[in-house]
Amino acid sequence: MPETSASSGAPGRVERLMPGFSATLLGGIVAVFVGIPLTSPDDRLGNTAGVAVASAVAALAFGLAWSSLSGDAPRRARLFSRICLAAFAAAVAAAILAESAGELANTVSYVVPLAAIVCVSAAAVTPLIERKVHGAAGVWLGSALLAGVLAIGITLALYEVGYTEPPSLSLPPPP
């Protein structure tokens, strides 16, 4: 995407990172739901809230990576796919190292499918969002997806730990 006066400055930088950010968050929403039946290596970190937060961090990283690429659309898409593949390989390597250290069983079987979903979504959907969503609409899309993935992840995490209904805020009955 060529630099223009309309896309320079902070708002322009935010708009340029939104395709990668939004596409990754779409994968993050799917990963949150896919992660529910998987056996987590650690229930404190490997719950749906942890997947949601990890997806948000990945979204920021992939958004920044996408916004830093220049050139024509096919070249950017190829380079970005390679970045996503490298990130997936790093996630797999980290999972293998964590599991082989003996502290976190089930790390590979938990991390690999979730990382695959997030990385494939980022690689495949980012160029599509770049072509179809522009300007403020892209910022709104990214913001809505971020709110959605965090809300879903936290809500499901609360449900997983047994918090199924809000506390009563009413006064006790009179004596």
Protein backbone atom coordinates (compact mmCIF):
# COMPACT_ATOMS: atom_id res chain seq x y z
CA MET A 1 0.00 0.00 0.00
CA PRO A 2 1.67 3.24 -1.05
CA GLU A 3 2.12 5.94 1.56
CA THR A 4 -0.25 8.85 1.01
CA SER A 5 -0.99 11.92 3.04
CA ALA A 6 -4.34 10.38 4.04
CA SER A 7 -2.63 7.29 5.49
CA SER A 8 0.31 8.99 7.19
CA GLY A 9 0.46 9.63 10.91
CA ALA A 10 -0.89 7.57 13.79
CA PRO A 11 -4.37 6.96 12.33
CA GLY A 12 -2.80 5.74 9.09
CA ARG A 13 -0.50 3.34 10.94
CA VAL A 14 -3.44 1.93 12.90
CA GLU A 15 -5.45 1.44 9.70
CA ARG A 16 -2.52 -0.37 8.04
CA LEU A 17 -2.15 -2.88 10.87
CA MET A 18 -5.88 -3.65 11.14
CA PRO A 19 -6.10 -6.33 8.40
CA GLY A 20 -3.51 -8.55 10.13
CA PHE A 21 -4.92 -7.71 13.55
CA SER A 22 -8.52 -8.50 12.57
CA ALA A 23 -7.73 -11.70 10.67
CA THR A 24 -5.73 -13.04 13.60
CA LEU A 25 -8.54 -12.24 16.03
CA LEU A 26 -11.00 -14.14 13.83
CA GLY A 27 -8.75 -17.16 14.22
CA GLY A 28 -8.50 -16.39 17.93
CA ILE A 29 -12.27 -16.63 18.35
CA VAL A 30 -12.25 -20.04 16.64
CA ALA A 31 -9.25 -21.12 18.74
CA VAL A 32 -11.03 -20.20 21.97
CA PHE A 33 -13.88 -22.57 21.12
CA VAL A 34 -11.60 -25.31 19.77
CA GLY A 35 -9.50 -25.13 22.94
CA ILE A 36 -12.43 -25.97 25.22
CA PRO A 37 -12.30 -29.77 24.82
CA LEU A 38 -8.50 -29.93 24.67
CA THR A 39 -6.51 -30.96 27.75
CA SER A 40 -4.63 -27.92 28.94
CA PRO A 41 -1.05 -28.20 30.23
CA ASP A 42 -1.85 -25.72 33.01
CA ASP A 43 -5.40 -24.75 33.99
CA ARG A 44 -4.35 -21.28 35.15
CA LEU A 45 -2.83 -20.26 31.81
CA GLY A 46 -4.26 -22.77 29.36
CA ASN A 47 -7.88 -21.86 29.73
CA THR A 48 -10.08 -19.95 27.32
CA ALA A 49 -9.04 -16.60 28.79
CA GLY A 50 -5.39 -17.53 28.23
CA VAL A 51 -6.14 -18.48 24.62
CA ALA A 52 -8.00 -15.19 24.13
CA VAL A 53 -5.14 -13.10 25.54
CA ALA A 54 -2.54 -15.05 23.52
CA SER A 55 -4.66 -14.46 20.40
CA ALA A 56 -4.78 -10.72 21.13
CA VAL A 57 -0.99 -10.60 21.53
CA ALA A 58 -0.56 -12.58 18.29
CA ALA A 59 -3.00 -10.21 16.58
CA LEU A 60 -0.90 -7.23 17.56
CA ALA A 61 2.29 -8.93 16.34
CA PHE A 62 0.74 -10.02 13.03
CA GLY A 63 -0.87 -6.61 12.57
CA LEU A 64 2.48 -4.90 13.02
CA ALA A 65 4.14 -7.41 10.68
CA TRP A 66 1.50 -6.82 7.99
CA SER A 67 1.74 -3.04 8.29
CA SER A 68 5.52 -3.14 7.88
CA LEU A 69 5.39 -4.93 4.51
CA SER A 70 5.56 -2.97 1.31
CA GLY A 71 5.13 -3.78 -2.35
CA ASP A 72 2.28 -5.08 -4.44
CA ALA A 73 -0.51 -7.20 -2.91
CA PRO A 74 0.71 -10.64 -4.08
CA ARG A 75 4.24 -9.98 -2.82
CA ARG A 76 2.95 -8.78 0.56
CA ALA A 77 0.68 -11.83 0.87
CA ARG A 78 3.59 -14.21 0.13
CA LEU A 79 5.90 -12.53 2.62
CA PHE A 80 3.20 -12.43 5.25
CA SER A 81 2.44 -16.13 4.74
CA ARG A 82 6.10 -16.86 5.41
CA ILE A 83 5.99 -14.77 8.58
CA CYS A 84 2.90 -16.69 9.73
CA LEU A 85 4.61 -20.01 8.95
CA ALA A 86 7.68 -18.95 10.93
CA ALA A 87 5.49 -17.92 13.87
CA PHE A 88 3.73 -21.28 13.75
CA ALA A 89 7.07 -23.11 13.67
CA ALA A 90 8.23 -21.06 16.68
CA ALA A 91 5.05 -21.94 18.59
CA VAL A 92 5.51 -25.64 17.80
CA ALA A 93 9.17 -25.52 18.86
CA ALA A 94 8.27 -23.75 22.12
CA ALA A 95 5.55 -26.32 22.84
CA ILE A 96 7.94 -29.20 22.18
CA LEU A 97 10.58 -27.64 24.45
CA ALA A 98 8.05 -27.00 27.23
CA GLU A 99 6.72 -30.53 27.08
CA SER A 100 10.13 -32.16 26.83
CA ALA A 101 11.23 -30.27 29.95
CA GLY A 102 8.71 -32.45 31.77
CA GLU A 103 6.87 -29.67 33.55
CA LEU A 104 3.90 -29.20 31.22
CA ALA A 105 2.32 -32.39 29.88
CA ASN A 106 -0.06 -32.04 26.91
CA THR A 107 1.58 -28.82 25.75
CA VAL A 108 2.08 -29.98 22.15
CA SER A 109 -1.43 -31.41 21.78
CA TYR A 110 -2.87 -28.18 23.20
CA VAL A 111 -0.72 -25.49 21.57
CA VAL A 112 -0.22 -26.87 18.05
CA PRO A 113 -3.87 -26.95 16.90
CA LEU A 114 -4.62 -23.56 18.42
CA ALA A 115 -1.50 -21.97 16.93
CA ALA A 116 -2.35 -23.53 13.56
CA ILE A 117 -5.82 -22.00 13.62
CA VAL A 118 -4.54 -18.54 14.52
CA CYS A 119 -1.62 -18.57 12.04
CA VAL A 120 -3.65 -19.96 9.13
CA SER A 121 -6.40 -17.45 9.78
CA ALA A 122 -3.87 -14.62 9.81
CA ALA A 123 -2.19 -15.78 6.60
CA ALA A 124 -5.36 -16.54 4.67
CA VAL A 125 -7.75 -13.80 5.79
CA THR A 126 -5.44 -10.78 6.09
CA PRO A 127 -5.15 -10.13 2.32
CA LEU A 128 -8.93 -10.50 1.98
CA ILE A 129 -9.61 -7.94 4.72
CA GLU A 130 -7.01 -5.65 3.14
CA ARG A 131 -8.99 -5.71 -0.13
CA LYS A 132 -12.48 -5.48 1.35
CA VAL A 133 -12.35 -3.32 4.49
CA HIS A 134 -10.88 0.19 4.48
CA GLY A 135 -10.37 3.14 6.77
CA ALA A 136 -12.48 3.57 9.86
CA ALA A 137 -14.46 0.41 9.07
CA GLY A 138 -11.25 -1.60 9.50
CA VAL A 139 -10.57 0.02 12.86
CA TRP A 140 -14.14 -0.72 14.00
CA LEU A 141 -13.85 -4.31 12.80
CA GLY A 142 -10.59 -4.85 14.68
CA SER A 143 -11.96 -3.21 17.82
CA ALA A 144 -15.12 -5.31 17.73
CA LEU A 145 -13.16 -8.52 17.18
CA LEU A 146 -10.80 -7.70 20.05
CA ALA A 147 -13.74 -7.05 22.37
CA GLY A 148 -15.40 -10.23 21.13
CA VAL A 149 -12.44 -12.56 21.61
CA LEU A 150 -11.72 -11.19 25.07
CA ALA A 151 -15.37 -11.29 26.14
CA ILE A 152 -15.84 -14.85 24.88
CA GLY A 153 -12.57 -16.03 26.41
CA ILE A 154 -13.19 -14.49 29.82
CA THR A 155 -16.84 -15.56 29.93
CA LEU A 156 -15.97 -19.14 29.08
CA ALA A 157 -13.09 -19.13 31.57
CA LEU A 158 -15.46 -18.00 34.31
CA TYR A 159 -17.85 -20.77 33.34
CA GLU A 160 -15.00 -23.31 33.43
CA VAL A 161 -14.17 -22.43 37.03
CA GLY A 162 -17.79 -22.73 38.13
CA TYR A 163 -18.86 -19.09 38.10
CA THR A 164 -22.18 -19.62 36.37
CA GLU A 165 -24.33 -16.81 37.70
CA PRO A 166 -23.64 -13.32 38.97
CA PRO A 167 -23.87 -12.65 42.68
CA SER A 168 -27.14 -11.25 44.00
CA LEU A 169 -27.05 -7.51 44.47
CA SER A 170 -30.37 -7.33 46.31
CA LEU A 171 -30.76 -6.60 49.98
CA PRO A 172 -31.60 -9.49 52.27
CA PRO A 173 -35.29 -9.94 53.10
CA PRO A 174 -36.53 -7.96 56.11
CA PRO A 175 -36.61 -9.88 59.42
